[in-house]
Amino acid sequence: MAASNKCPVWCDQRHPDGAVHRGEVGETTVSGLRIPVVILQVPGGPADVAISGPVYVEIHADDRDDMAELLGLAGQHALAGLVRQADALARGGAQ
């Protein structure tokens, strides 16, 4: 449920009003490293999906399906699933 500062449902709501919304969709481990997938949104702007952790990759909305497919082909099925889940949430879908 959205907070009083009109956070999206996926936002962790641990920020002051007017700050960037952030929500961690989930995490997986790749080569022993924690890799979270997050959604970020400047108030009034579009929601962005990013793979975070030891490297940071922001995934353009038009590329999320392709990135998930590539991750799956590379055997990173859990990470691919998190990207798909984040994409659905960022587009306003259910978790």
C-alpha atoms as a PDB file:
ATOM      1  CA  MET A   1       0.000   0.000   0.000  1.00  0.00           C
ATOM      2  CA  ALA A   2       1.275   3.494  -0.833  1.00  0.00           C
ATOM      3  CA  ALA A   3       2.447   5.750   1.973  1.00  0.00           C
ATOM      4  CA  SER A   4       1.104   9.247   2.634  1.00  0.00           C
ATOM      5  CA  ASN A   5       3.859  10.714   0.434  1.00  0.00           C
ATOM      6  CA  LYS A   6       2.290   8.871  -2.529  1.00  0.00           C
ATOM      7  CA  CYS A   7       4.939   6.195  -2.831  1.00  0.00           C
ATOM      8  CA  PRO A   8       4.370   3.481  -5.442  1.00  0.00           C
ATOM      9  CA  VAL A   9       3.362   0.131  -3.939  1.00  0.00           C
ATOM     10  CA  TRP A  10       6.873  -1.307  -4.564  1.00  0.00           C
ATOM     11  CA  CYS A  11       8.679   1.535  -2.712  1.00  0.00           C
ATOM     12  CA  ASP A  12      10.297   0.633   0.616  1.00  0.00           C
ATOM     13  CA  GLN A  13       9.041   4.038   1.883  1.00  0.00           C
ATOM     14  CA  ARG A  14      12.222   4.785   3.852  1.00  0.00           C
ATOM     15  CA  HIS A  15      12.887   8.249   2.454  1.00  0.00           C
ATOM     16  CA  PRO A  16      11.795  11.856   2.962  1.00  0.00           C
ATOM     17  CA  ASP A  17       9.004  13.311   0.824  1.00  0.00           C
ATOM     18  CA  GLY A  18      10.226  14.319  -2.609  1.00  0.00           C
ATOM     19  CA  ALA A  19      13.177  11.905  -2.621  1.00  0.00           C
ATOM     20  CA  VAL A  20      13.803   9.064  -5.059  1.00  0.00           C
ATOM     21  CA  HIS A  21      11.531   6.074  -4.547  1.00  0.00           C
ATOM     22  CA  ARG A  22      13.446   2.796  -4.192  1.00  0.00           C
ATOM     23  CA  GLY A  23      12.325  -0.757  -3.803  1.00  0.00           C
ATOM     24  CA  GLU A  24      14.333  -3.952  -3.839  1.00  0.00           C
ATOM     25  CA  VAL A  25      12.444  -6.613  -5.784  1.00  0.00           C
ATOM     26  CA  GLY A  26      14.734  -9.406  -4.664  1.00  0.00           C
ATOM     27  CA  GLU A  27      18.269 -10.673  -4.799  1.00  0.00           C
ATOM     28  CA  THR A  28      20.255 -13.635  -5.964  1.00  0.00           C
ATOM     29  CA  THR A  29      23.866 -14.729  -5.705  1.00  0.00           C
ATOM     30  CA  VAL A  30      26.137 -14.805  -8.744  1.00  0.00           C
ATOM     31  CA  SER A  31      29.711 -16.063  -8.349  1.00  0.00           C
ATOM     32  CA  GLY A  32      29.364 -15.667  -4.589  1.00  0.00           C
ATOM     33  CA  LEU A  33      28.261 -12.011  -4.836  1.00  0.00           C
ATOM     34  CA  ARG A  34      24.911 -10.579  -3.727  1.00  0.00           C
ATOM     35  CA  ILE A  35      23.072  -9.140  -6.734  1.00  0.00           C
ATOM     36  CA  PRO A  36      19.875  -7.204  -5.940  1.00  0.00           C
ATOM     37  CA  VAL A  37      17.388  -6.018  -8.536  1.00  0.00           C
ATOM     38  CA  VAL A  38      15.830  -2.672  -7.677  1.00  0.00           C
ATOM     39  CA  ILE A  39      13.275  -0.214  -8.974  1.00  0.00           C
ATOM     40  CA  LEU A  40      14.083   3.488  -8.735  1.00  0.00           C
ATOM     41  CA  GLN A  41      11.826   6.432  -9.531  1.00  0.00           C
ATOM     42  CA  VAL A  42      12.264  10.163  -9.270  1.00  0.00           C
ATOM     43  CA  PRO A  43       8.874  11.540  -8.168  1.00  0.00           C
ATOM     44  CA  GLY A  44       6.917  12.337 -11.308  1.00  0.00           C
ATOM     45  CA  GLY A  45       9.300  10.371 -13.528  1.00  0.00           C
ATOM     46  CA  PRO A  46       9.238   6.879 -14.962  1.00  0.00           C
ATOM     47  CA  ALA A  47      10.209   3.873 -12.860  1.00  0.00           C
ATOM     48  CA  ASP A  48      13.622   2.437 -13.751  1.00  0.00           C
ATOM     49  CA  VAL A  49      14.833  -1.129 -13.200  1.00  0.00           C
ATOM     50  CA  ALA A  50      18.464  -1.742 -12.257  1.00  0.00           C
ATOM     51  CA  ILE A  51      20.720  -4.644 -11.426  1.00  0.00           C
ATOM     52  CA  SER A  52      22.755  -3.445  -8.468  1.00  0.00           C
ATOM     53  CA  GLY A  53      25.510  -4.839  -6.274  1.00  0.00           C
ATOM     54  CA  PRO A  54      29.189  -4.929  -7.260  1.00  0.00           C
ATOM     55  CA  VAL A  55      28.186  -3.516 -10.670  1.00  0.00           C
ATOM     56  CA  TYR A  56      25.284  -1.236 -11.519  1.00  0.00           C
ATOM     57  CA  VAL A  57      23.315  -1.668 -14.742  1.00  0.00           C
ATOM     58  CA  GLU A  58      20.212   0.385 -15.398  1.00  0.00           C
ATOM     59  CA  ILE A  59      17.929  -1.432 -17.835  1.00  0.00           C
ATOM     60  CA  HIS A  60      15.975   0.742 -20.261  1.00  0.00           C
ATOM     61  CA  ALA A  61      12.260  -0.093 -20.296  1.00  0.00           C
ATOM     62  CA  ASP A  62      12.419  -1.257 -23.926  1.00  0.00           C
ATOM     63  CA  ASP A  63      15.327  -3.613 -23.134  1.00  0.00           C
ATOM     64  CA  ARG A  64      14.041  -5.417 -20.030  1.00  0.00           C
ATOM     65  CA  ASP A  65      12.567  -8.410 -21.856  1.00  0.00           C
ATOM     66  CA  ASP A  66      15.737  -8.807 -23.917  1.00  0.00           C
ATOM     67  CA  MET A  67      17.949  -8.502 -20.817  1.00  0.00           C
ATOM     68  CA  ALA A  68      15.892 -11.153 -19.014  1.00  0.00           C
ATOM     69  CA  GLU A  69      16.150 -13.429 -22.043  1.00  0.00           C
ATOM     70  CA  LEU A  70      19.927 -12.912 -22.254  1.00  0.00           C
ATOM     71  CA  LEU A  71      20.347 -13.632 -18.540  1.00  0.00           C
ATOM     72  CA  GLY A  72      18.318 -16.819 -18.958  1.00  0.00           C
ATOM     73  CA  LEU A  73      20.463 -17.915 -21.899  1.00  0.00           C
ATOM     74  CA  ALA A  74      23.522 -17.315 -19.713  1.00  0.00           C
ATOM     75  CA  GLY A  75      22.068 -19.646 -17.081  1.00  0.00           C
ATOM     76  CA  GLN A  76      21.167 -16.844 -14.653  1.00  0.00           C
ATOM     77  CA  HIS A  77      17.519 -17.857 -14.384  1.00  0.00           C
ATOM     78  CA  ALA A  78      16.938 -16.380 -10.918  1.00  0.00           C
ATOM     79  CA  LEU A  79      18.320 -13.008 -12.009  1.00  0.00           C
ATOM     80  CA  ALA A  80      16.272 -13.143 -15.211  1.00  0.00           C
ATOM     81  CA  GLY A  81      13.150 -13.804 -13.151  1.00  0.00           C
ATOM     82  CA  LEU A  82      13.879 -10.848 -10.892  1.00  0.00           C
ATOM     83  CA  VAL A  83      14.294  -8.553 -13.905  1.00  0.00           C
ATOM     84  CA  ARG A  84      10.937  -9.765 -15.272  1.00  0.00           C
ATOM     85  CA  GLN A  85       9.270  -9.276 -11.884  1.00  0.00           C
ATOM     86  CA  ALA A  86      10.758  -5.782 -11.528  1.00  0.00           C
ATOM     87  CA  ASP A  87       9.600  -4.901 -15.046  1.00  0.00           C
ATOM     88  CA  ALA A  88       6.036  -5.956 -14.235  1.00  0.00           C
ATOM     89  CA  LEU A  89       6.044  -3.923 -11.016  1.00  0.00           C
ATOM     90  CA  ALA A  90       7.612  -0.877 -12.680  1.00  0.00           C
ATOM     91  CA  ARG A  91       4.914  -0.983 -15.355  1.00  0.00           C
ATOM     92  CA  GLY A  92       2.244  -1.110 -12.660  1.00  0.00           C
ATOM     93  CA  GLY A  93       1.607  -4.845 -12.579  1.00  0.00           C
ATOM     94  CA  ALA A  94       1.201  -7.111  -9.588  1.00  0.00           C
ATOM     95  CA  GLN A  95       4.134  -8.727  -7.797  1.00  0.00           C
END
